[in-house]
Protein backbone atom coordinates (compact mmCIF):
# COMPACT_ATOMS: atom_id res chain seq x y z
CA UNK A 1 58.72 66.99 37.47
CA UNK A 2 57.78 64.23 40.54
CA UNK A 3 55.13 66.42 41.33
CA UNK A 4 51.71 65.12 39.27
CA UNK A 5 52.19 62.03 40.79
CA UNK A 6 53.24 62.21 44.64
CA UNK A 7 49.88 64.84 44.75
CA UNK A 8 47.40 62.09 43.85
CA UNK A 9 49.74 59.78 46.27
CA UNK A 10 49.25 61.96 49.02
CA UNK A 11 45.48 62.91 48.53
CA UNK A 12 45.07 59.08 48.63
CA UNK A 13 46.86 58.52 51.79
CA UNK A 14 45.05 61.60 53.33
CA UNK A 15 41.67 60.40 52.51
CA UNK A 16 42.65 56.89 53.20
CA UNK A 17 42.96 56.48 57.13
CA UNK A 18 40.07 58.13 58.75
CA UNK A 19 37.72 56.40 61.08
CA UNK A 20 33.60 57.16 60.83
CA UNK A 21 34.08 57.76 65.17
CA UNK A 22 36.91 60.24 64.76
CA UNK A 23 36.68 64.33 65.27
CA UNK A 24 36.87 66.64 62.42
CA UNK A 25 40.43 67.58 64.44
CA UNK A 26 41.19 63.97 65.01
CA UNK A 27 40.74 63.21 61.00
CA UNK A 28 42.51 65.90 59.78
CA UNK A 29 45.71 65.14 61.53
CA UNK A 30 45.18 61.61 61.00
CA UNK A 31 45.18 62.43 57.25
CA UNK A 32 47.97 65.27 57.04
CA UNK A 33 50.15 62.43 58.62
CA UNK A 34 50.02 60.73 55.31
CA UNK A 35 50.97 63.02 52.88
CA UNK A 36 53.71 63.16 51.08
CA UNK A 37 54.77 66.28 50.16
CA UNK A 38 56.72 67.38 46.84
CA UNK A 39 59.62 69.12 47.29
CA UNK A 40 58.85 71.51 44.79
CA UNK A 41 55.95 73.57 45.06
CA UNK A 42 55.41 76.60 47.67
CA UNK A 43 52.00 76.47 48.30
CA UNK A 44 49.11 73.61 47.33
CA UNK A 45 48.55 73.30 43.69
CA UNK A 46 45.36 73.05 42.22
CA UNK A 47 45.24 69.66 41.25
CA UNK A 48 45.74 69.01 45.21
CA UNK A 49 42.80 70.83 46.50
CA UNK A 50 40.82 69.74 43.30
CA UNK A 51 41.33 65.59 44.80
CA UNK A 52 40.80 67.06 48.40
CA UNK A 53 37.42 68.19 47.74
CA UNK A 54 36.40 65.45 45.38
CA UNK A 55 37.30 62.64 48.21
CA UNK A 56 35.68 64.84 51.05
CA UNK A 57 32.62 65.46 49.55
CA UNK A 58 30.83 61.82 50.29
CA UNK A 59 32.00 63.37 54.17
CA UNK A 60 28.89 64.20 56.59
CA UNK A 61 28.28 68.49 55.98
CA UNK A 62 29.03 68.73 60.02
CA UNK A 63 32.56 67.62 59.46
CA UNK A 64 33.47 68.59 55.90
CA UNK A 65 34.18 72.13 56.23
CA UNK A 66 36.15 71.43 59.23
CA UNK A 67 37.97 68.26 57.81
CA UNK A 68 39.27 70.04 54.51
CA UNK A 69 40.51 73.47 56.25
CA UNK A 70 42.28 71.42 58.82
CA UNK A 71 43.93 69.50 55.91
CA UNK A 72 44.96 72.74 54.18
CA UNK A 73 46.98 74.09 57.09
CA UNK A 74 48.44 70.91 57.85
CA UNK A 75 49.60 70.64 53.93
CA UNK A 76 50.41 73.68 53.88
CA UNK A 77 52.97 73.36 57.01
CA UNK A 78 54.24 70.10 55.28
CA UNK A 79 55.02 72.31 52.02
CA UNK A 80 56.69 74.82 53.72
CA UNK A 81 58.73 72.26 55.60
CA UNK A 82 59.30 70.15 52.38
CA UNK A 83 60.42 73.19 50.47
CA UNK A 84 63.60 74.31 53.26
CA UNK A 85 64.11 70.77 52.99
CA UNK A 86 63.88 70.81 48.99
CA UNK A 87 65.80 74.24 49.08
CA UNK A 88 68.93 72.46 51.04
CA UNK A 89 69.07 69.30 49.07
CA UNK A 90 69.41 71.90 46.21
CA UNK A 91 72.52 72.80 48.01
CA UNK A 92 74.20 70.15 48.66
CA UNK A 93 73.54 68.72 44.72
CA UNK A 94 74.71 71.81 43.38
CA UNK A 95 78.08 71.59 45.85
CA UNK A 96 78.34 67.25 44.82
CA UNK A 97 77.40 68.81 41.14
CA UNK A 98 81.24 71.10 42.01
CA UNK A 99 82.41 68.24 43.11
CA UNK A 100 82.18 66.02 40.46
CA UNK A 101 83.10 68.41 37.51
CA UNK A 102 86.22 68.84 39.07
CA UNK A 103 86.47 65.55 39.37
CA UNK A 104 85.82 64.61 35.99
CA UNK A 105 87.92 67.55 35.07
CA UNK A 106 90.68 65.81 36.50
CA UNK A 107 89.85 62.08 35.13
CA UNK A 108 88.71 63.68 31.27
CA UNK A 109 90.10 60.67 30.22
CA UNK A 110 88.24 58.39 31.99
CA UNK A 111 85.21 57.30 30.03
CA UNK A 112 84.90 53.83 31.57
CA UNK A 113 83.94 55.83 35.13
CA UNK A 114 81.08 58.55 33.19
CA UNK A 115 79.98 55.52 31.63
CA UNK A 116 79.86 53.67 34.70
CA UNK A 117 77.51 56.16 36.43
CA UNK A 118 75.31 57.13 33.71
CA UNK A 119 74.41 53.31 34.66
CA UNK A 120 74.17 53.88 38.33
CA UNK A 121 71.56 57.35 36.69
CA UNK A 122 69.34 55.73 34.71
CA UNK A 123 69.50 52.84 37.38
CA UNK A 124 68.03 55.35 39.88
CA UNK A 125 65.44 56.56 37.01
CA UNK A 126 64.08 53.04 37.12
CA UNK A 127 64.29 52.68 40.91
CA UNK A 128 62.37 56.22 41.11
CA UNK A 129 60.00 55.06 38.31
CA UNK A 130 59.39 51.52 40.30
CA UNK A 131 58.55 53.69 43.04
CA UNK A 132 56.33 55.98 41.61
CA UNK A 133 54.10 52.77 40.19
CA UNK A 134 54.21 51.30 43.93
CA UNK A 135 52.99 54.70 45.65
CA UNK A 136 50.14 55.10 42.82
CA UNK A 137 48.81 51.27 43.51
CA UNK A 138 49.26 52.34 47.33
CA UNK A 139 47.01 55.02 46.42
CA UNK A 140 44.54 53.53 44.53
CA UNK A 141 44.45 51.09 47.28
CA UNK A 142 43.89 53.40 49.63
CA UNK A 143 41.28 54.95 47.65
CA UNK A 144 39.56 51.58 47.76
CA UNK A 145 39.22 51.66 51.60
CA UNK A 146 38.63 54.89 51.73
CA UNK A 147 35.56 54.06 49.35
CA UNK A 148 34.67 51.35 51.74
CA UNK A 149 35.28 53.51 54.80
CA UNK A 150 32.76 55.94 53.19
CA UNK A 151 30.20 52.92 52.09
CA UNK A 152 29.83 51.98 55.39
CA UNK A 153 29.42 55.00 57.14
CA UNK A 154 26.66 55.88 54.78
CA UNK A 155 25.42 52.44 55.68
CA UNK A 156 25.20 52.77 59.06
CA UNK A 157 23.98 56.53 58.50
CA UNK A 158 21.27 54.75 56.52
CA UNK A 159 20.64 51.98 59.45
CA UNK A 160 20.12 55.08 62.28
CA UNK A 161 17.70 56.42 59.97
CA UNK A 162 15.31 53.35 59.55
CA UNK A 163 15.86 52.96 62.88
CA UNK A 164 14.65 56.56 63.38
CA UNK A 165 11.80 55.98 61.10
CA UNK A 166 11.07 52.75 62.44
CA UNK A 167 10.90 54.57 65.99
CA UNK A 168 8.65 57.35 65.06
CA UNK A 169 6.04 54.45 63.23
CA UNK A 170 6.39 52.99 66.51
CA UNK A 171 5.77 56.00 68.05
CA UNK A 172 2.41 57.27 66.06
CA UNK A 173 1.24 53.74 66.30
CA UNK A 174 1.25 53.95 70.28
CA UNK A 175 -0.43 57.82 69.78
CA UNK A 176 -2.91 56.04 67.84
CA UNK A 177 -3.59 53.51 70.58
CA UNK A 178 -3.23 55.29 72.90
CA UNK A 179 -5.41 57.62 71.44
CA UNK A 180 -8.45 55.06 70.51
CA UNK A 181 -7.93 53.72 74.39
CA UNK A 182 -8.97 56.76 75.57
CA UNK A 183 -11.27 56.62 73.15
CA UNK A 184 -12.72 53.76 74.75
CA UNK A 185 -12.47 54.69 78.35
CA UNK A 186 -13.95 57.72 77.77
CA UNK A 187 -17.03 55.69 75.60
CA UNK A 188 -17.15 53.38 79.54
CA UNK A 189 -17.04 56.42 81.59
CA UNK A 190 -20.17 58.36 80.09
CA UNK A 191 -22.27 54.69 80.19
CA UNK A 192 -21.60 54.62 83.87
CA UNK A 193 -21.74 58.55 84.27
CA UNK A 194 -25.80 57.86 82.50
CA UNK A 195 -26.30 54.56 84.82
CA UNK A 196 -25.42 56.11 87.74
CA UNK A 197 -27.76 59.08 86.68
CA UNK A 198 -30.59 56.66 86.02
CA UNK A 199 -29.90 55.03 89.46
CA UNK A 200 -29.84 58.24 91.05
CA UNK A 201 -33.22 59.08 89.80
CA UNK A 202 -35.03 55.55 90.71
CA UNK A 203 -33.53 55.74 93.79
CA UNK A 204 -34.98 59.71 94.33
CA UNK A 205 -38.37 58.47 93.43
CA UNK A 206 -38.10 55.90 96.11
CA UNK A 207 -37.24 57.81 98.46
CA UNK A 208 -40.21 60.21 97.76
CA UNK A 209 -42.54 56.97 97.58
CA UNK A 210 -40.54 56.50 100.90
CA UNK A 211 -41.34 60.00 102.44
CA UNK A 212 -45.06 59.94 101.15
CA UNK A 213 -45.57 56.52 103.28
CA UNK A 214 -43.58 57.64 106.07
CA UNK A 215 -45.45 60.70 105.95
CA UNK A 216 -48.42 59.19 106.11
CA UNK A 217 -47.72 56.61 109.21
CA UNK A 218 -46.17 59.91 111.24
CA UNK A 219 -49.92 61.61 110.55
CA UNK A 220 -51.20 58.52 112.33
CA UNK A 221 -48.12 58.25 114.97
CA UNK A 222 -48.92 62.00 115.85
CA UNK A 223 -52.91 60.77 116.26
CA UNK A 224 -52.04 58.14 118.73
CA UNK A 225 -49.46 60.14 120.60
CA UNK A 226 -51.75 62.21 121.19
CA UNK A 227 -54.43 60.16 122.24
CA UNK A 228 -51.81 58.27 124.13
CA UNK A 229 -50.74 62.09 125.76
CA UNK A 230 -53.99 63.30 126.57
CA UNK A 231 -54.42 59.96 128.50
CA UNK A 232 -51.21 60.01 130.07
CA UNK A 233 -51.84 63.43 131.24
CA UNK A 234 -54.99 62.25 133.05
CA UNK A 235 -52.84 59.47 134.80
CA UNK A 236 -50.20 62.16 135.95
CA UNK A 237 -52.87 64.17 137.24
CA UNK A 238 -54.15 61.07 139.35
CA UNK A 239 -50.60 60.28 140.90
CA UNK A 240 -49.48 63.17 141.85
CA UNK A 241 -50.34 65.09 144.93
CA UNK A 242 -51.19 68.49 143.92
CA UNK A 243 -51.12 71.57 146.49
CA UNK A 244 -48.73 73.27 148.05
CA UNK A 245 -46.19 72.03 150.39
CA UNK A 246 -45.75 72.50 154.04
CA UNK A 247 -42.89 72.84 156.20
CA UNK A 248 -44.62 73.27 159.47
CA UNK A 249 -41.71 74.45 162.90
CA UNK A 250 -43.62 72.36 165.08
CA UNK A 251 -43.29 68.86 163.10
CA UNK A 252 -44.88 66.82 166.17
CA UNK A 253 -48.41 67.07 167.11
CA UNK A 254 -51.12 65.14 168.75
CA UNK A 255 -48.77 61.78 168.63
CA UNK A 256 -48.48 62.52 164.49
CA UNK A 257 -45.30 63.50 163.40
CA UNK A 258 -44.79 65.62 160.03
CA UNK A 259 -41.89 64.65 157.96
CA UNK A 260 -41.54 66.88 155.26
CA UNK A 261 -39.70 66.38 151.55
CA UNK A 262 -36.50 68.02 153.95
CA UNK A 263 -35.63 64.89 154.88
CA UNK A 264 -32.05 61.99 154.80
CA UNK A 265 -32.50 58.46 155.08
CA UNK A 266 -29.75 56.34 156.59
CA UNK A 267 -30.02 52.72 156.48
CA UNK A 268 -27.69 49.76 156.58
CA UNK A 269 -24.07 49.55 158.05
CA UNK A 270 -22.60 53.52 158.66
CA UNK A 271 -19.38 53.27 156.86
CA UNK A 272 -17.06 55.51 154.66
CA UNK A 273 -18.87 57.58 152.85
CA UNK A 274 -22.13 57.95 154.82
CA UNK A 275 -20.76 60.94 156.96
CA UNK A 276 -20.87 62.95 153.34
CA UNK A 277 -24.02 61.56 152.47
CA UNK A 278 -25.50 63.08 155.06
CA UNK A 279 -23.60 66.07 155.89
CA UNK A 280 -23.55 67.57 152.29
CA UNK A 281 -27.58 67.24 152.59
CA UNK A 282 -27.55 68.96 155.89
CA UNK A 283 -25.88 71.57 154.41
CA UNK A 284 -28.23 72.00 151.68
CA UNK A 285 -31.37 72.46 153.62
CA UNK A 286 -29.38 74.96 155.90
CA UNK A 287 -28.62 76.90 152.83
CA UNK A 288 -32.88 76.91 151.65
CA UNK A 289 -33.89 77.77 154.80
CA UNK A 290 -33.87 76.96 158.72
CA UNK A 291 -37.34 74.40 158.62
CA UNK A 292 -36.68 71.18 160.06
CA UNK A 293 -34.44 68.70 158.39
CA UNK A 294 -35.61 64.77 159.14
CA UNK A 295 -32.75 61.73 159.55
CA UNK A 296 -34.95 58.44 159.05
CA UNK A 297 -33.53 55.40 160.03
CA UNK A 298 -36.03 52.25 159.11
CA UNK A 299 -33.31 49.51 159.29
CA UNK A 300 -29.12 50.94 160.99
CA UNK A 301 -27.25 48.20 162.77
CA UNK A 302 -24.34 51.02 163.40
CA UNK A 303 -20.99 51.19 161.79
CA UNK A 304 -17.94 53.41 161.67
CA UNK A 305 -17.06 55.48 164.82
CA UNK A 306 -15.47 58.66 163.00
CA UNK A 307 -18.18 58.72 160.33
CA UNK A 308 -20.94 58.63 163.07
CA UNK A 309 -18.93 61.15 165.28
CA UNK A 310 -19.10 63.45 161.84
CA UNK A 311 -23.01 63.41 161.02
CA UNK A 312 -23.23 64.39 165.12
CA UNK A 313 -20.93 67.50 164.72
CA UNK A 314 -23.12 68.50 161.68
CA UNK A 315 -26.33 68.09 163.37
CA UNK A 316 -24.72 69.98 166.51
CA UNK A 317 -23.92 73.06 164.15
CA UNK A 318 -26.90 72.94 162.18
CA UNK A 319 -28.96 76.24 162.11
CA UNK A 320 -32.20 74.21 161.11
CA UNK A 321 -33.06 71.66 163.64
CA UNK A 322 -32.34 67.84 162.96
CA UNK A 323 -35.36 65.66 164.07
CA UNK A 324 -34.44 61.95 163.97
CA UNK A 325 -36.42 59.22 163.34
CA UNK A 326 -36.70 55.47 163.96
CA UNK A 327 -38.92 53.60 162.67
CA UNK A 328 -37.91 49.87 162.54
CA UNK A 329 -34.30 49.46 164.27
CA UNK A 330 -31.53 51.48 165.06
CA UNK A 331 -28.33 49.76 167.04
CA UNK A 332 -24.90 51.00 168.51
CA UNK A 333 -24.13 54.17 166.44
CA UNK A 334 -26.88 54.78 165.01
CA UNK A 335 -28.59 54.48 168.44
CA UNK A 336 -25.79 57.03 169.80
CA UNK A 337 -26.95 59.06 167.16
CA UNK A 338 -30.55 58.95 168.25
CA UNK A 339 -29.85 59.33 171.83
CA UNK A 340 -27.67 62.68 171.51
CA UNK A 341 -30.43 64.31 168.88
CA UNK A 342 -31.95 67.44 170.38
CA UNK A 343 -35.02 66.07 168.72
CA UNK A 344 -36.02 62.32 168.47
CA UNK A 345 -38.85 59.67 167.76
CA UNK A 346 -39.41 56.64 167.40
CA UNK A 347 -42.51 54.24 166.94
CA UNK A 348 -43.38 51.96 170.08
CA UNK A 349 -42.09 48.93 168.47
CA UNK A 350 -38.66 50.60 166.95
CA UNK A 351 -35.90 48.50 168.74
CA UNK A 352 -33.13 50.77 170.03
CA UNK A 353 -30.02 48.52 171.20
CA UNK A 354 -26.77 50.29 172.81
CA UNK A 355 -23.81 48.07 173.62
CA UNK A 356 -19.72 49.13 173.77
CA UNK A 357 -17.55 49.78 170.66
CA UNK A 358 -15.37 46.95 169.58
CA UNK A 359 -12.19 46.64 167.13
CA UNK A 360 -8.91 44.25 166.28
CA UNK A 361 -5.54 45.33 167.72
CA UNK A 362 -2.16 43.85 166.14
CA UNK A 363 1.62 45.19 166.81
CA UNK A 364 4.42 44.71 169.40
CA UNK A 365 3.28 45.01 173.54
CA UNK A 366 3.66 49.10 174.10
CA UNK A 367 2.03 49.67 170.47
CA UNK A 368 -0.87 47.57 171.57
CA UNK A 369 -0.90 49.61 174.77
CA UNK A 370 -1.18 52.86 172.03
CA UNK A 371 -3.75 51.80 170.73
CA UNK A 372 -5.63 50.42 173.82
CA UNK A 373 -5.75 53.73 174.96
CA UNK A 374 -6.61 55.89 171.58
CA UNK A 375 -9.79 53.00 171.44
CA UNK A 376 -10.63 53.91 175.10
CA UNK A 377 -10.98 57.50 174.50
CA UNK A 378 -13.00 56.90 170.80
CA UNK A 379 -15.01 54.79 173.03
CA UNK A 380 -15.60 57.64 175.54
CA UNK A 381 -16.27 60.64 173.73
CA UNK A 382 -19.16 58.79 172.09
CA UNK A 383 -20.74 56.60 175.30
CA UNK A 384 -19.43 58.87 177.54
CA UNK A 385 -21.60 61.52 176.01
CA UNK A 386 -24.49 59.20 176.27
CA UNK A 387 -24.28 58.53 179.83
CA UNK A 388 -24.46 62.13 180.36
CA UNK A 389 -27.63 63.06 178.32
CA UNK A 390 -28.95 59.56 180.86
CA UNK A 391 -27.67 61.44 183.75
CA UNK A 392 -25.26 58.49 184.88
CA UNK A 393 -21.91 57.95 184.46
CA UNK A 394 -20.01 55.75 181.45
CA UNK A 395 -19.04 52.94 184.22
CA UNK A 396 -22.01 52.81 185.37
CA UNK A 397 -24.06 52.91 182.08
CA UNK A 398 -21.38 49.88 180.47
CA UNK A 399 -22.52 47.78 183.50
CA UNK A 400 -26.55 48.34 182.60
CA UNK A 401 -25.47 47.48 179.27
CA UNK A 402 -24.43 43.71 180.38
CA UNK A 403 -26.52 43.65 183.66
CA UNK A 404 -29.64 43.44 180.53
CA UNK A 405 -27.73 41.18 178.41
CA UNK A 406 -24.56 38.83 178.57
CA UNK A 407 -22.90 39.98 175.15
CA UNK A 408 -23.20 43.37 176.41
CA UNK A 409 -26.25 44.05 173.88
CA UNK A 410 -28.75 46.24 175.35
CA UNK A 411 -31.74 46.57 173.39
CA UNK A 412 -35.08 48.66 174.29
CA UNK A 413 -38.11 48.47 172.18
CA UNK A 414 -38.84 52.33 171.18
CA UNK A 415 -41.64 52.53 174.02
CA UNK A 416 -38.88 51.28 176.93
CA UNK A 417 -36.29 53.11 175.03
CA UNK A 418 -37.98 56.79 175.97
CA UNK A 419 -38.84 55.75 179.70
CA UNK A 420 -35.35 55.51 179.51
CA UNK A 421 -34.16 58.58 177.98
CA UNK A 422 -32.37 56.75 174.68
CA UNK A 423 -35.62 58.64 172.71
CA UNK A 424 -36.97 61.95 173.06
CA UNK A 425 -40.75 60.79 172.06
CA UNK A 426 -43.10 57.79 170.96
CA UNK A 427 -45.25 58.36 167.80
CA UNK A 428 -48.47 56.80 167.06
CA UNK A 429 -47.67 57.98 162.95
CA UNK A 430 -45.45 58.97 160.71
CA UNK A 431 -46.70 61.49 157.96
CA UNK A 432 -44.67 61.67 155.04
CA UNK A 433 -45.30 65.00 153.19
CA UNK A 434 -42.82 64.03 151.07
CA UNK A 435 -44.85 61.00 149.26
CA UNK A 436 -46.21 63.19 146.57
CA UNK A 437 -46.09 61.05 143.71
CA UNK A 438 -48.04 57.77 143.61
CA UNK A 439 -45.02 55.12 144.48
CA UNK A 440 -43.59 52.50 142.01
CA UNK A 441 -41.83 49.43 142.05
CA UNK A 442 -40.92 46.52 143.94
CA UNK A 443 -41.04 45.57 147.27
CA UNK A 444 -37.44 46.42 148.54
CA UNK A 445 -35.00 44.58 151.53
CA UNK A 446 -33.93 46.94 152.63
CA UNK A 447 -30.01 46.38 151.74
CA UNK A 448 -28.39 45.90 148.11
CA UNK A 449 -24.82 43.97 147.94
CA UNK A 450 -22.19 44.74 144.99
CA UNK A 451 -18.79 43.85 145.42
CA UNK A 452 -16.55 46.13 147.48
CA UNK A 453 -12.66 46.71 145.90
CA UNK A 454 -14.22 46.14 142.15
CA UNK A 455 -15.43 49.11 140.25
CA UNK A 456 -19.24 48.63 139.72
CA UNK A 457 -21.56 50.60 137.42
CA UNK A 458 -23.09 52.75 140.40
CA UNK A 459 -27.03 51.52 141.00
CA UNK A 460 -29.72 53.50 141.05
CA UNK A 461 -31.21 53.98 144.27
CA UNK A 462 -34.65 51.61 145.13
CA UNK A 463 -37.72 52.73 143.15
CA UNK A 464 -39.70 54.15 146.53
CA UNK A 465 -41.35 56.68 144.51
CA UNK A 466 -40.08 59.94 146.42
CA UNK A 467 -36.61 58.77 148.16
CA UNK A 468 -33.16 58.90 148.13
CA UNK A 469 -31.87 56.68 150.55
CA UNK A 470 -27.95 56.09 151.69
CA UNK A 471 -28.10 51.98 151.93
CA UNK A 472 -23.94 50.24 152.84
CA UNK A 473 -23.37 48.41 149.72
CA UNK A 474 -21.73 45.18 150.73
CA UNK A 475 -21.70 41.47 148.42
CA UNK A 476 -22.80 39.10 150.64
CA UNK A 477 -20.95 35.85 150.93
CA UNK A 478 -21.16 32.41 152.26
CA UNK A 479 -18.27 30.65 154.26
CA UNK A 480 -17.18 27.38 154.09
CA UNK A 481 -20.01 26.31 156.87
CA UNK A 482 -22.88 27.70 154.53
CA UNK A 483 -23.21 30.43 156.43
CA UNK A 484 -23.91 33.82 155.06
CA UNK A 485 -21.73 37.02 155.53
CA UNK A 486 -20.95 40.41 154.30
CA UNK A 487 -16.89 41.39 154.51
CA UNK A 488 -16.72 44.82 156.31
CA UNK A 489 -14.21 47.73 154.92
CA UNK A 490 -10.85 48.00 156.61
CA UNK A 491 -11.46 50.76 159.35
CA UNK A 492 -9.23 53.73 158.86
CA UNK A 493 -6.82 55.14 161.09
CA UNK A 494 -8.16 55.46 164.52
CA UNK A 495 -11.62 54.60 163.25
CA UNK A 496 -14.13 51.68 165.43
CA UNK A 497 -16.59 49.68 165.49
CA UNK A 498 -20.04 50.46 166.93
CA UNK A 499 -21.95 47.65 165.11
CA UNK A 500 -24.54 45.08 166.40
CA UNK A 501 -23.34 41.67 164.68
CA UNK A 502 -24.81 39.11 167.20
CA UNK A 503 -24.73 36.03 164.73
CA UNK A 504 -21.47 37.37 163.43
CA UNK A 505 -23.19 38.29 159.78
CA UNK A 506 -20.81 41.04 159.22
CA UNK A 507 -17.18 39.94 159.38
């Protein structure tokens, strides 16, 4: 009898609780929990299903059917539970009626109690009617809330739709802006490309004009160079001696010494590098032939004994004869090389000088004795050999040095040196066959100065027209007394100096 009141109320409660953010399952559970299921129906009445359809038609399509199915499942479950409870209540009511009927039969005469029961039943009916009214009001309130929720949901959907539309419009506007910018960039690129093409054509035209002008200048240059080359060839023919070079086996004849291109120069102090310089060239000329080789000394004050002994050994072992020629001055080790040579020559006014070796010692007494013993042996190997060739003893040769000069520096002119046997021959003329090109350059002092021990760029030999020279490379300095000097490098182990140094220039 009360179903027609309970059904709308159940639907109202069913549809009034969901929130817009719930999932279909959560939504259905919350709605179903508010259902007041009637106790007299075995399944959902058509009226309830109709109201459910009406109340859920405003839900979004993606959740409407899920919510409806879930509501039905929960509601049917509750109806089944309510039906079982109603049956239990009916059984209890029947038992109460039987009890009541028994009591009424026992108290059949008590009319006042019957009336009071009727009043109580009427009051219960009235109370039940009031409860129904209250439930209807709550159902209407829930309907209004549900509709408000739906309206809010629709408003949110509309806001989202408008936002989406706005984003679409913004994206279209941005796309149009980017497209317009791209078109502008394309136009600018085409303009720059066109300008570049124009500039390229202009530059090509300028280059072509320059090339034409250059071709004219080159033609003129070629004509001038050809004329200069003709003149240069004429000058070269005049500046160079043409003809075959001669290498006579007997270069000295009638006072004239003919020096071929197989010549080596030795000038300046004989220091480290002198032996390598001379010996390498001796090897080179020996590898060519066994024709005479000439060691030409213009100005050499002597130097390292070990370097000089190396040169003497190479001269001794040379298969080609080595002729030593002194043009101006040969002292000390240079004089020993000259005297010990198998073939030696000098101008009559050249100066040859012999003296003892010199060195410096340091250390304790025993060490000084050892150094003195080694020095004596080195000196004996050079001065002793000279004395032996001169047919005297080393002691007598040294005594003569100090007899002729208190300093022990015994010098002789070339013709005197030949008489003493220091030099083999006096020459009236040294004929340089190697000079086959006009000499160029300025007059050389015969000595170049650069710093020892410092990195220096190599300097080309002095321009003589034909010669490659060995010359010591030292730096000239001035001491506290204003006297010029050069600093000799430190001598090697067991080495000594055979160097003419009367004024202390070499230090």
